[in-house]
Amino acid sequence: MEDKLLLGKNIKNYRNKKNYTQEQLAEILNVSVSHISSWENAESYPSIKKLEEIANALDVKVYQLFMDDNDYDI
């Protein structure tokens, strides 16, 4: 799976596991809801710094945002 698609899917999945709406995550990250939507829909990438903030907000490691379901056995 393309990195951008995988990143978007994982941001959305981890956000849902935390029971955050896009609005709540946007507020935590101090970005607009359109940024969250753009990342989740693979329309753009967050910056490296923002990736760290996303991972922290979702209680995961940055590398987990790029893991495919098939990688979870590692």
PDB file of N, CA and C in Angstrom:
ATOM      1  N   MET A   1       0.854  -1.180   0.000  1.00  0.00           N
ATOM      2  CA  MET A   1       0.000   0.000   0.000  1.00  0.00           C
ATOM      3  C   MET A   1       0.897   1.239   0.000  1.00  0.00           C
ATOM      4  N   GLU A   2       0.506   2.216  -0.754  1.00  0.00           N
ATOM      5  CA  GLU A   2       1.253   3.470  -0.813  1.00  0.00           C
ATOM      6  C   GLU A   2       1.321   4.122   0.573  1.00  0.00           C
ATOM      7  N   ASP A   3       2.490   4.700   0.892  1.00  0.00           N
ATOM      8  CA  ASP A   3       2.701   5.294   2.222  1.00  0.00           C
ATOM      9  C   ASP A   3       1.621   6.296   2.606  1.00  0.00           C
ATOM     10  N   LYS A   4       1.260   7.154   1.666  1.00  0.00           N
ATOM     11  CA  LYS A   4       0.277   8.196   1.991  1.00  0.00           C
ATOM     12  C   LYS A   4      -1.084   7.575   2.329  1.00  0.00           C
ATOM     13  N   LEU A   5      -1.474   6.548   1.580  1.00  0.00           N
ATOM     14  CA  LEU A   5      -2.745   5.868   1.856  1.00  0.00           C
ATOM     15  C   LEU A   5      -2.700   5.146   3.199  1.00  0.00           C
ATOM     16  N   LEU A   6      -1.580   4.488   3.451  1.00  0.00           N
ATOM     17  CA  LEU A   6      -1.416   3.757   4.704  1.00  0.00           C
ATOM     18  C   LEU A   6      -1.419   4.706   5.894  1.00  0.00           C
ATOM     19  N   LEU A   7      -0.708   5.810   5.779  1.00  0.00           N
ATOM     20  CA  LEU A   7      -0.677   6.812   6.841  1.00  0.00           C
ATOM     21  C   LEU A   7      -2.085   7.318   7.137  1.00  0.00           C
ATOM     22  N   GLY A   8      -2.812   7.675   6.115  1.00  0.00           N
ATOM     23  CA  GLY A   8      -4.172   8.181   6.299  1.00  0.00           C
ATOM     24  C   GLY A   8      -5.081   7.170   6.963  1.00  0.00           C
ATOM     25  N   LYS A   9      -4.990   5.920   6.505  1.00  0.00           N
ATOM     26  CA  LYS A   9      -5.806   4.850   7.081  1.00  0.00           C
ATOM     27  C   LYS A   9      -5.481   4.671   8.562  1.00  0.00           C
ATOM     28  N   ASN A  10      -4.198   4.693   8.890  1.00  0.00           N
ATOM     29  CA  ASN A  10      -3.796   4.477  10.276  1.00  0.00           C
ATOM     30  C   ASN A  10      -4.142   5.654  11.174  1.00  0.00           C
ATOM     31  N   ILE A  11      -3.989   6.865  10.682  1.00  0.00           N
ATOM     32  CA  ILE A  11      -4.406   8.021  11.490  1.00  0.00           C
ATOM     33  C   ILE A  11      -5.887   7.876  11.835  1.00  0.00           C
ATOM     34  N   LYS A  12      -6.686   7.553  10.839  1.00  0.00           N
ATOM     35  CA  LYS A  12      -8.125   7.406  11.070  1.00  0.00           C
ATOM     36  C   LYS A  12      -8.415   6.258  12.034  1.00  0.00           C
ATOM     37  N   ASN A  13      -7.768   5.111  11.838  1.00  0.00           N
ATOM     38  CA  ASN A  13      -8.012   3.959  12.706  1.00  0.00           C
ATOM     39  C   ASN A  13      -7.620   4.250  14.151  1.00  0.00           C
ATOM     40  N   TYR A  14      -6.425   4.825  14.354  1.00  0.00           N
ATOM     41  CA  TYR A  14      -5.995   5.136  15.715  1.00  0.00           C
ATOM     42  C   TYR A  14      -6.853   6.247  16.330  1.00  0.00           C
ATOM     43  N   ARG A  15      -7.283   7.202  15.517  1.00  0.00           N
ATOM     44  CA  ARG A  15      -8.172   8.259  16.018  1.00  0.00           C
ATOM     45  C   ARG A  15      -9.482   7.650  16.505  1.00  0.00           C
ATOM     46  N   ASN A  16     -10.015   6.731  15.716  1.00  0.00           N
ATOM     47  CA  ASN A  16     -11.267   6.073  16.109  1.00  0.00           C
ATOM     48  C   ASN A  16     -11.093   5.224  17.366  1.00  0.00           C
ATOM     49  N   LYS A  17      -9.941   4.566  17.505  1.00  0.00           N
ATOM     50  CA  LYS A  17      -9.680   3.773  18.715  1.00  0.00           C
ATOM     51  C   LYS A  17      -9.656   4.655  19.962  1.00  0.00           C
ATOM     52  N   LYS A  18      -9.212   5.906  19.807  1.00  0.00           N
ATOM     53  CA  LYS A  18      -9.193   6.853  20.921  1.00  0.00           C
ATOM     54  C   LYS A  18     -10.555   7.535  21.100  1.00  0.00           C
ATOM     55  N   ASN A  19     -11.506   7.214  20.218  1.00  0.00           N
ATOM     56  CA  ASN A  19     -12.833   7.834  20.228  1.00  0.00           C
ATOM     57  C   ASN A  19     -12.762   9.341  20.032  1.00  0.00           C
ATOM     58  N   TYR A  20     -11.805   9.782  19.224  1.00  0.00           N
ATOM     59  CA  TYR A  20     -11.691  11.198  18.883  1.00  0.00           C
ATOM     60  C   TYR A  20     -12.423  11.466  17.578  1.00  0.00           C
ATOM     61  N   THR A  21     -13.097  12.569  17.517  1.00  0.00           N
ATOM     62  CA  THR A  21     -13.618  13.047  16.242  1.00  0.00           C
ATOM     63  C   THR A  21     -12.475  13.762  15.529  1.00  0.00           C
ATOM     64  N   GLN A  22     -12.662  14.052  14.263  1.00  0.00           N
ATOM     65  CA  GLN A  22     -11.658  14.849  13.553  1.00  0.00           C
ATOM     66  C   GLN A  22     -11.504  16.207  14.226  1.00  0.00           C
ATOM     67  N   GLU A  23     -12.596  16.748  14.692  1.00  0.00           N
ATOM     68  CA  GLU A  23     -12.566  18.054  15.356  1.00  0.00           C
ATOM     69  C   GLU A  23     -11.730  18.006  16.634  1.00  0.00           C
ATOM     70  N   GLN A  24     -11.902  16.946  17.412  1.00  0.00           N
ATOM     71  CA  GLN A  24     -11.142  16.820  18.659  1.00  0.00           C
ATOM     72  C   GLN A  24      -9.648  16.670  18.387  1.00  0.00           C
ATOM     73  N   LEU A  25      -9.298  15.832  17.417  1.00  0.00           N
ATOM     74  CA  LEU A  25      -7.883  15.661  17.086  1.00  0.00           C
ATOM     75  C   LEU A  25      -7.300  16.954  16.533  1.00  0.00           C
ATOM     76  N   ALA A  26      -8.060  17.647  15.719  1.00  0.00           N
ATOM     77  CA  ALA A  26      -7.597  18.930  15.182  1.00  0.00           C
ATOM     78  C   ALA A  26      -7.309  19.920  16.302  1.00  0.00           C
ATOM     79  N   GLU A  27      -8.166  19.950  17.299  1.00  0.00           N
ATOM     80  CA  GLU A  27      -7.964  20.852  18.433  1.00  0.00           C
ATOM     81  C   GLU A  27      -6.705  20.479  19.218  1.00  0.00           C
ATOM     82  N   ILE A  28      -6.517  19.190  19.462  1.00  0.00           N
ATOM     83  CA  ILE A  28      -5.329  18.726  20.186  1.00  0.00           C
ATOM     84  C   ILE A  28      -4.058  19.110  19.434  1.00  0.00           C
ATOM     85  N   LEU A  29      -4.093  18.978  18.100  1.00  0.00           N
ATOM     86  CA  LEU A  29      -2.908  19.228  17.278  1.00  0.00           C
ATOM     87  C   LEU A  29      -2.775  20.686  16.839  1.00  0.00           C
ATOM     88  N   ASN A  30      -3.772  21.484  17.178  1.00  0.00           N
ATOM     89  CA  ASN A  30      -3.778  22.890  16.789  1.00  0.00           C
ATOM     90  C   ASN A  30      -3.690  23.067  15.269  1.00  0.00           C
ATOM     91  N   VAL A  31      -4.532  22.298  14.575  1.00  0.00           N
ATOM     92  CA  VAL A  31      -4.655  22.397  13.117  1.00  0.00           C
ATOM     93  C   VAL A  31      -6.142  22.458  12.774  1.00  0.00           C
ATOM     94  N   SER A  32      -6.440  22.706  11.527  1.00  0.00           N
ATOM     95  CA  SER A  32      -7.839  22.741  11.101  1.00  0.00           C
ATOM     96  C   SER A  32      -8.347  21.320  10.855  1.00  0.00           C
ATOM     97  N   VAL A  33      -9.646  21.170  10.892  1.00  0.00           N
ATOM     98  CA  VAL A  33     -10.275  19.888  10.580  1.00  0.00           C
ATOM     99  C   VAL A  33      -9.939  19.481   9.150  1.00  0.00           C
ATOM    100  N   SER A  34      -9.805  20.449   8.275  1.00  0.00           N
ATOM    101  CA  SER A  34      -9.468  20.123   6.884  1.00  0.00           C
ATOM    102  C   SER A  34      -8.081  19.479   6.774  1.00  0.00           C
ATOM    103  N   HIS A  35      -7.170  19.834   7.686  1.00  0.00           N
ATOM    104  CA  HIS A  35      -5.862  19.157   7.707  1.00  0.00           C
ATOM    105  C   HIS A  35      -6.039  17.677   8.054  1.00  0.00           C
ATOM    106  N   ILE A  36      -6.809  17.398   9.087  1.00  0.00           N
ATOM    107  CA  ILE A  36      -7.045  16.012   9.495  1.00  0.00           C
ATOM    108  C   ILE A  36      -7.677  15.241   8.345  1.00  0.00           C
ATOM    109  N   SER A  37      -8.685  15.810   7.744  1.00  0.00           N
ATOM    110  CA  SER A  37      -9.370  15.175   6.625  1.00  0.00           C
ATOM    111  C   SER A  37      -8.413  14.937   5.459  1.00  0.00           C
ATOM    112  N   SER A  38      -7.597  15.907   5.164  1.00  0.00           N
ATOM    113  CA  SER A  38      -6.637  15.796   4.061  1.00  0.00           C
ATOM    114  C   SER A  38      -5.634  14.675   4.308  1.00  0.00           C
ATOM    115  N   TRP A  39      -5.167  14.540   5.555  1.00  0.00           N
ATOM    116  CA  TRP A  39      -4.231  13.458   5.883  1.00  0.00           C
ATOM    117  C   TRP A  39      -4.925  12.106   5.796  1.00  0.00           C
ATOM    118  N   GLU A  40      -6.119  12.014   6.369  1.00  0.00           N
ATOM    119  CA  GLU A  40      -6.836  10.740   6.388  1.00  0.00           C
ATOM    120  C   GLU A  40      -7.254  10.296   4.989  1.00  0.00           C
ATOM    121  N   ASN A  41      -7.478  11.232   4.098  1.00  0.00           N
ATOM    122  CA  ASN A  41      -7.879  10.913   2.725  1.00  0.00           C
ATOM    123  C   ASN A  41      -6.700  10.861   1.772  1.00  0.00           C
ATOM    124  N   ALA A  42      -5.486  10.862   2.320  1.00  0.00           N
ATOM    125  CA  ALA A  42      -4.249  10.732   1.538  1.00  0.00           C
ATOM    126  C   ALA A  42      -4.087  11.831   0.493  1.00  0.00           C
ATOM    127  N   GLU A  43      -4.566  13.007   0.820  1.00  0.00           N
ATOM    128  CA  GLU A  43      -4.417  14.148  -0.080  1.00  0.00           C
ATOM    129  C   GLU A  43      -3.144  14.929   0.213  1.00  0.00           C
ATOM    130  N   SER A  44      -2.616  14.777   1.437  1.00  0.00           N
ATOM    131  CA  SER A  44      -1.372  15.458   1.802  1.00  0.00           C
ATOM    132  C   SER A  44      -0.724  14.720   2.963  1.00  0.00           C
ATOM    133  N   TYR A  45       0.538  15.054   3.200  1.00  0.00           N
ATOM    134  CA  TYR A  45       1.303  14.512   4.325  1.00  0.00           C
ATOM    135  C   TYR A  45       1.438  15.572   5.405  1.00  0.00           C
ATOM    136  N   PRO A  46       1.403  15.168   6.672  1.00  0.00           N
ATOM    137  CA  PRO A  46       1.775  16.109   7.734  1.00  0.00           C
ATOM    138  C   PRO A  46       3.304  16.254   7.743  1.00  0.00           C
ATOM    139  N   SER A  47       3.776  17.330   8.337  1.00  0.00           N
ATOM    140  CA  SER A  47       5.226  17.519   8.476  1.00  0.00           C
ATOM    141  C   SER A  47       5.786  16.481   9.448  1.00  0.00           C
ATOM    142  N   ILE A  48       7.095  16.327   9.464  1.00  0.00           N
ATOM    143  CA  ILE A  48       7.747  15.404  10.396  1.00  0.00           C
ATOM    144  C   ILE A  48       7.394  15.776  11.837  1.00  0.00           C
ATOM    145  N   LYS A  49       7.474  17.058  12.148  1.00  0.00           N
ATOM    146  CA  LYS A  49       7.147  17.521  13.503  1.00  0.00           C
ATOM    147  C   LYS A  49       5.691  17.182  13.841  1.00  0.00           C
ATOM    148  N   LYS A  50       4.808  17.392  12.892  1.00  0.00           N
ATOM    149  CA  LYS A  50       3.388  17.113  13.127  1.00  0.00           C
ATOM    150  C   LYS A  50       3.149  15.608  13.255  1.00  0.00           C
ATOM    151  N   LEU A  51       3.925  14.783  12.528  1.00  0.00           N
ATOM    152  CA  LEU A  51       3.805  13.332  12.676  1.00  0.00           C
ATOM    153  C   LEU A  51       4.077  12.915  14.117  1.00  0.00           C
ATOM    154  N   GLU A  52       5.089  13.517  14.725  1.00  0.00           N
ATOM    155  CA  GLU A  52       5.405  13.227  16.124  1.00  0.00           C
ATOM    156  C   GLU A  52       4.249  13.632  17.029  1.00  0.00           C
ATOM    157  N   GLU A  53       3.652  14.769  16.761  1.00  0.00           N
ATOM    158  CA  GLU A  53       2.525  15.240  17.570  1.00  0.00           C
ATOM    159  C   GLU A  53       1.310  14.333  17.392  1.00  0.00           C
ATOM    160  N   ILE A  54       1.080  13.886  16.158  1.00  0.00           N
ATOM    161  CA  ILE A  54      -0.039  12.981  15.884  1.00  0.00           C
ATOM    162  C   ILE A  54       0.151  11.682  16.662  1.00  0.00           C
ATOM    163  N   ALA A  55       1.354  11.116  16.552  1.00  0.00           N
ATOM    164  CA  ALA A  55       1.642   9.869  17.257  1.00  0.00           C
ATOM    165  C   ALA A  55       1.446  10.033  18.770  1.00  0.00           C
ATOM    166  N   ASN A  56       1.941  11.126  19.316  1.00  0.00           N
ATOM    167  CA  ASN A  56       1.772  11.374  20.755  1.00  0.00           C
ATOM    168  C   ASN A  56       0.299  11.492  21.127  1.00  0.00           C
ATOM    169  N   ALA A  57      -0.460  12.216  20.328  1.00  0.00           N
ATOM    170  CA  ALA A  57      -1.888  12.408  20.617  1.00  0.00           C
ATOM    171  C   ALA A  57      -2.659  11.095  20.556  1.00  0.00           C
ATOM    172  N   LEU A  58      -2.196  10.184  19.692  1.00  0.00           N
ATOM    173  CA  LEU A  58      -2.896   8.918  19.515  1.00  0.00           C
ATOM    174  C   LEU A  58      -2.272   7.785  20.330  1.00  0.00           C
ATOM    175  N   ASP A  59      -1.263   8.119  21.136  1.00  0.00           N
ATOM    176  CA  ASP A  59      -0.579   7.137  21.993  1.00  0.00           C
ATOM    177  C   ASP A  59       0.029   5.975  21.212  1.00  0.00           C
ATOM    178  N   VAL A  60       0.674   6.317  20.101  1.00  0.00           N
ATOM    179  CA  VAL A  60       1.394   5.319  19.303  1.00  0.00           C
ATOM    180  C   VAL A  60       2.770   5.876  18.965  1.00  0.00           C
ATOM    181  N   LYS A  61       3.619   5.028  18.417  1.00  0.00           N
ATOM    182  CA  LYS A  61       4.925   5.452  17.925  1.00  0.00           C
ATOM    183  C   LYS A  61       4.768   5.883  16.467  1.00  0.00           C
ATOM    184  N   VAL A  62       5.635   6.776  16.011  1.00  0.00           N
ATOM    185  CA  VAL A  62       5.536   7.267  14.637  1.00  0.00           C
ATOM    186  C   VAL A  62       5.560   6.109  13.642  1.00  0.00           C
ATOM    187  N   TYR A  63       6.434   5.134  13.851  1.00  0.00           N
ATOM    188  CA  TYR A  63       6.530   4.035  12.891  1.00  0.00           C
ATOM    189  C   TYR A  63       5.212   3.271  12.759  1.00  0.00           C
ATOM    190  N   GLN A  64       4.408   3.239  13.831  1.00  0.00           N
ATOM    191  CA  GLN A  64       3.133   2.530  13.769  1.00  0.00           C
ATOM    192  C   GLN A  64       2.160   3.184  12.800  1.00  0.00           C
ATOM    193  N   LEU A  65       2.338   4.465  12.559  1.00  0.00           N
ATOM    194  CA  LEU A  65       1.467   5.160  11.607  1.00  0.00           C
ATOM    195  C   LEU A  65       1.721   4.704  10.171  1.00  0.00           C
ATOM    196  N   PHE A  66       2.852   4.015   9.946  1.00  0.00           N
ATOM    197  CA  PHE A  66       3.212   3.552   8.607  1.00  0.00           C
ATOM    198  C   PHE A  66       3.176   2.031   8.475  1.00  0.00           C
ATOM    199  N   MET A  67       2.650   1.348   9.483  1.00  0.00           N
ATOM    200  CA  MET A  67       2.591  -0.114   9.441  1.00  0.00           C
ATOM    201  C   MET A  67       1.314  -0.589   8.772  1.00  0.00           C
ATOM    202  N   ASP A  68       1.500  -1.570   7.897  1.00  0.00           N
ATOM    203  CA  ASP A  68       0.378  -2.230   7.256  1.00  0.00           C
ATOM    204  C   ASP A  68      -0.139  -3.296   8.226  1.00  0.00           C
ATOM    205  N   ASP A  69      -1.385  -3.696   8.079  1.00  0.00           N
ATOM    206  CA  ASP A  69      -1.955  -4.745   8.936  1.00  0.00           C
ATOM    207  C   ASP A  69      -1.067  -5.990   8.938  1.00  0.00           C
ATOM    208  N   ASN A  70      -0.437  -6.282   7.817  1.00  0.00           N
ATOM    209  CA  ASN A  70       0.406  -7.463   7.698  1.00  0.00           C
ATOM    210  C   ASN A  70       1.706  -7.326   8.496  1.00  0.00           C
ATOM    211  N   ASP A  71       2.053  -6.119   8.898  1.00  0.00           N
ATOM    212  CA  ASP A  71       3.284  -5.869   9.654  1.00  0.00           C
ATOM    213  C   ASP A  71       3.088  -6.042  11.144  1.00  0.00           C
ATOM    214  N   TYR A  72       1.888  -6.232  11.625  1.00  0.00           N
ATOM    215  CA  TYR A  72       1.623  -6.234  13.056  1.00  0.00           C
ATOM    216  C   TYR A  72       2.195  -7.454  13.770  1.00  0.00           C
ATOM    217  N   ASP A  73       2.664  -8.443  13.047  1.00  0.00           N
ATOM    218  CA  ASP A  73       3.230  -9.639  13.665  1.00  0.00           C
ATOM    219  C   ASP A  73       4.679  -9.439  14.089  1.00  0.00           C
ATOM    220  N   ILE A  74       5.258  -8.304  13.770  1.00  0.00           N
ATOM    221  CA  ILE A  74       6.673  -8.038  14.064  1.00  0.00           C
ATOM    222  C   ILE A  74       6.885  -8.012  15.561  1.00  0.00           C
TER     223      ILE A  74
END
